Amino acid sequence: MVQKFIIDGLDYNAADFSEEAKALVSRLSYIQIRLNEINNNLALLAKAKNGYIEDMKTEIIQERTGVDFSDLFSDE
């Protein structure tokens, strides 16, 4: 399969690249993979942060009111 790239609106065929250009494409691919991993980790950490904030709110409300919300919503 022929790999094509568009750079500044121009099409390039990867088969025509020099060895240095092919190495650069490989490095760019690696960077893109790492950026995707980092973005996934950011999303995971943001979700965890939001969960901790919600737990903190519940804890504060429980301290102020004395009501344990986990008891209210348990199936037992």
C-alpha atoms as a PDB file:
ATOM      1  CA  MET A   1       0.000   0.000   0.000  1.00  0.00           C
ATOM      2  CA  VAL A   2       1.337   3.392  -0.965  1.00  0.00           C
ATOM      3  CA  GLN A   3       1.556   5.777   1.957  1.00  0.00           C
ATOM      4  CA  LYS A   4       0.843   9.397   1.109  1.00  0.00           C
ATOM      5  CA  PHE A   5       1.327  12.526   3.141  1.00  0.00           C
ATOM      6  CA  ILE A   6      -0.129  15.976   2.769  1.00  0.00           C
ATOM      7  CA  ILE A   7       2.210  18.741   3.892  1.00  0.00           C
ATOM      8  CA  ASP A   8       1.176  22.349   3.387  1.00  0.00           C
ATOM      9  CA  GLY A   9      -1.519  21.244   0.970  1.00  0.00           C
ATOM     10  CA  LEU A  10       0.822  19.219  -1.269  1.00  0.00           C
ATOM     11  CA  ASP A  11       0.640  15.430  -1.694  1.00  0.00           C
ATOM     12  CA  TYR A  12       3.807  13.394  -1.214  1.00  0.00           C
ATOM     13  CA  ASN A  13       4.396   9.699  -1.832  1.00  0.00           C
ATOM     14  CA  ALA A  14       6.370   8.094   1.002  1.00  0.00           C
ATOM     15  CA  ALA A  15       8.095   5.756  -1.435  1.00  0.00           C
ATOM     16  CA  ASP A  16       9.823   8.790  -2.939  1.00  0.00           C
ATOM     17  CA  PHE A  17      11.207   9.961   0.412  1.00  0.00           C
ATOM     18  CA  SER A  18      14.911   9.923   1.197  1.00  0.00           C
ATOM     19  CA  GLU A  19      16.094   7.712   4.042  1.00  0.00           C
ATOM     20  CA  GLU A  20      16.305  10.772   6.295  1.00  0.00           C
ATOM     21  CA  ALA A  21      12.724  11.757   5.433  1.00  0.00           C
ATOM     22  CA  LYS A  22      11.556   8.191   6.174  1.00  0.00           C
ATOM     23  CA  ALA A  23      13.337   8.364   9.531  1.00  0.00           C
ATOM     24  CA  LEU A  24      11.595  11.658  10.275  1.00  0.00           C
ATOM     25  CA  VAL A  25       8.216  10.110   9.432  1.00  0.00           C
ATOM     26  CA  SER A  26       9.010   7.295  11.853  1.00  0.00           C
ATOM     27  CA  ARG A  27       9.874   9.806  14.586  1.00  0.00           C
ATOM     28  CA  LEU A  28       6.705  11.774  13.906  1.00  0.00           C
ATOM     29  CA  SER A  29       4.653   8.583  14.148  1.00  0.00           C
ATOM     30  CA  TYR A  30       6.243   7.800  17.502  1.00  0.00           C
ATOM     31  CA  ILE A  31       5.493  11.305  18.764  1.00  0.00           C
ATOM     32  CA  GLN A  32       1.861  11.002  17.662  1.00  0.00           C
ATOM     33  CA  ILE A  33       1.498   7.707  19.527  1.00  0.00           C
ATOM     34  CA  ARG A  34       3.020   9.238  22.672  1.00  0.00           C
ATOM     35  CA  LEU A  35       0.743  12.300  22.410  1.00  0.00           C
ATOM     36  CA  ASN A  36      -2.285  10.004  22.181  1.00  0.00           C
ATOM     37  CA  GLU A  37      -1.112   8.098  25.268  1.00  0.00           C
ATOM     38  CA  ILE A  38      -0.597  11.337  27.177  1.00  0.00           C
ATOM     39  CA  ASN A  39      -4.035  12.627  26.172  1.00  0.00           C
ATOM     40  CA  ASN A  40      -5.589   9.341  27.315  1.00  0.00           C
ATOM     41  CA  ASN A  41      -3.759   9.630  30.636  1.00  0.00           C
ATOM     42  CA  LEU A  42      -4.957  13.228  31.021  1.00  0.00           C
ATOM     43  CA  ALA A  43      -8.546  12.122  30.466  1.00  0.00           C
ATOM     44  CA  LEU A  44      -8.155   9.314  33.000  1.00  0.00           C
ATOM     45  CA  LEU A  45      -6.611  11.636  35.586  1.00  0.00           C
ATOM     46  CA  ALA A  46      -9.323  14.248  35.034  1.00  0.00           C
ATOM     47  CA  LYS A  47     -11.981  11.588  35.616  1.00  0.00           C
ATOM     48  CA  ALA A  48     -10.244  10.445  38.798  1.00  0.00           C
ATOM     49  CA  LYS A  49      -9.946  14.059  39.990  1.00  0.00           C
ATOM     50  CA  ASN A  50     -13.651  14.642  39.428  1.00  0.00           C
ATOM     51  CA  GLY A  51     -14.451  11.449  41.329  1.00  0.00           C
ATOM     52  CA  TYR A  52     -12.317  12.582  44.272  1.00  0.00           C
ATOM     53  CA  ILE A  53     -14.050  15.965  44.265  1.00  0.00           C
ATOM     54  CA  GLU A  54     -17.453  14.267  44.393  1.00  0.00           C
ATOM     55  CA  ASP A  55     -16.269  12.031  47.241  1.00  0.00           C
ATOM     56  CA  MET A  56     -15.006  15.100  49.076  1.00  0.00           C
ATOM     57  CA  LYS A  57     -18.382  16.839  48.677  1.00  0.00           C
ATOM     58  CA  THR A  58     -20.154  13.770  50.027  1.00  0.00           C
ATOM     59  CA  GLU A  59     -17.758  13.583  52.969  1.00  0.00           C
ATOM     60  CA  ILE A  60     -18.260  17.266  53.819  1.00  0.00           C
ATOM     61  CA  ILE A  61     -22.049  16.925  53.659  1.00  0.00           C
ATOM     62  CA  GLN A  62     -21.884  13.803  55.819  1.00  0.00           C
ATOM     63  CA  GLU A  63     -19.797  15.629  58.433  1.00  0.00           C
ATOM     64  CA  ARG A  64     -22.152  18.621  58.515  1.00  0.00           C
ATOM     65  CA  THR A  65     -25.432  16.713  58.547  1.00  0.00           C
ATOM     66  CA  GLY A  66     -24.475  13.394  60.111  1.00  0.00           C
ATOM     67  CA  VAL A  67     -26.271  11.617  57.254  1.00  0.00           C
ATOM     68  CA  ASP A  68     -24.360   8.761  55.646  1.00  0.00           C
ATOM     69  CA  PHE A  69     -25.527   8.743  52.022  1.00  0.00           C
ATOM     70  CA  SER A  70     -24.067   5.303  51.402  1.00  0.00           C
ATOM     71  CA  ASP A  71     -26.576   3.906  53.915  1.00  0.00           C
ATOM     72  CA  LEU A  72     -29.460   5.671  52.167  1.00  0.00           C
ATOM     73  CA  PHE A  73     -28.709   4.149  48.777  1.00  0.00           C
ATOM     74  CA  SER A  74     -27.594   0.646  49.777  1.00  0.00           C
ATOM     75  CA  ASP A  75     -29.639  -2.384  48.690  1.00  0.00           C
ATOM     76  CA  GLU A  76     -29.681  -3.933  52.148  1.00  0.00           C
END
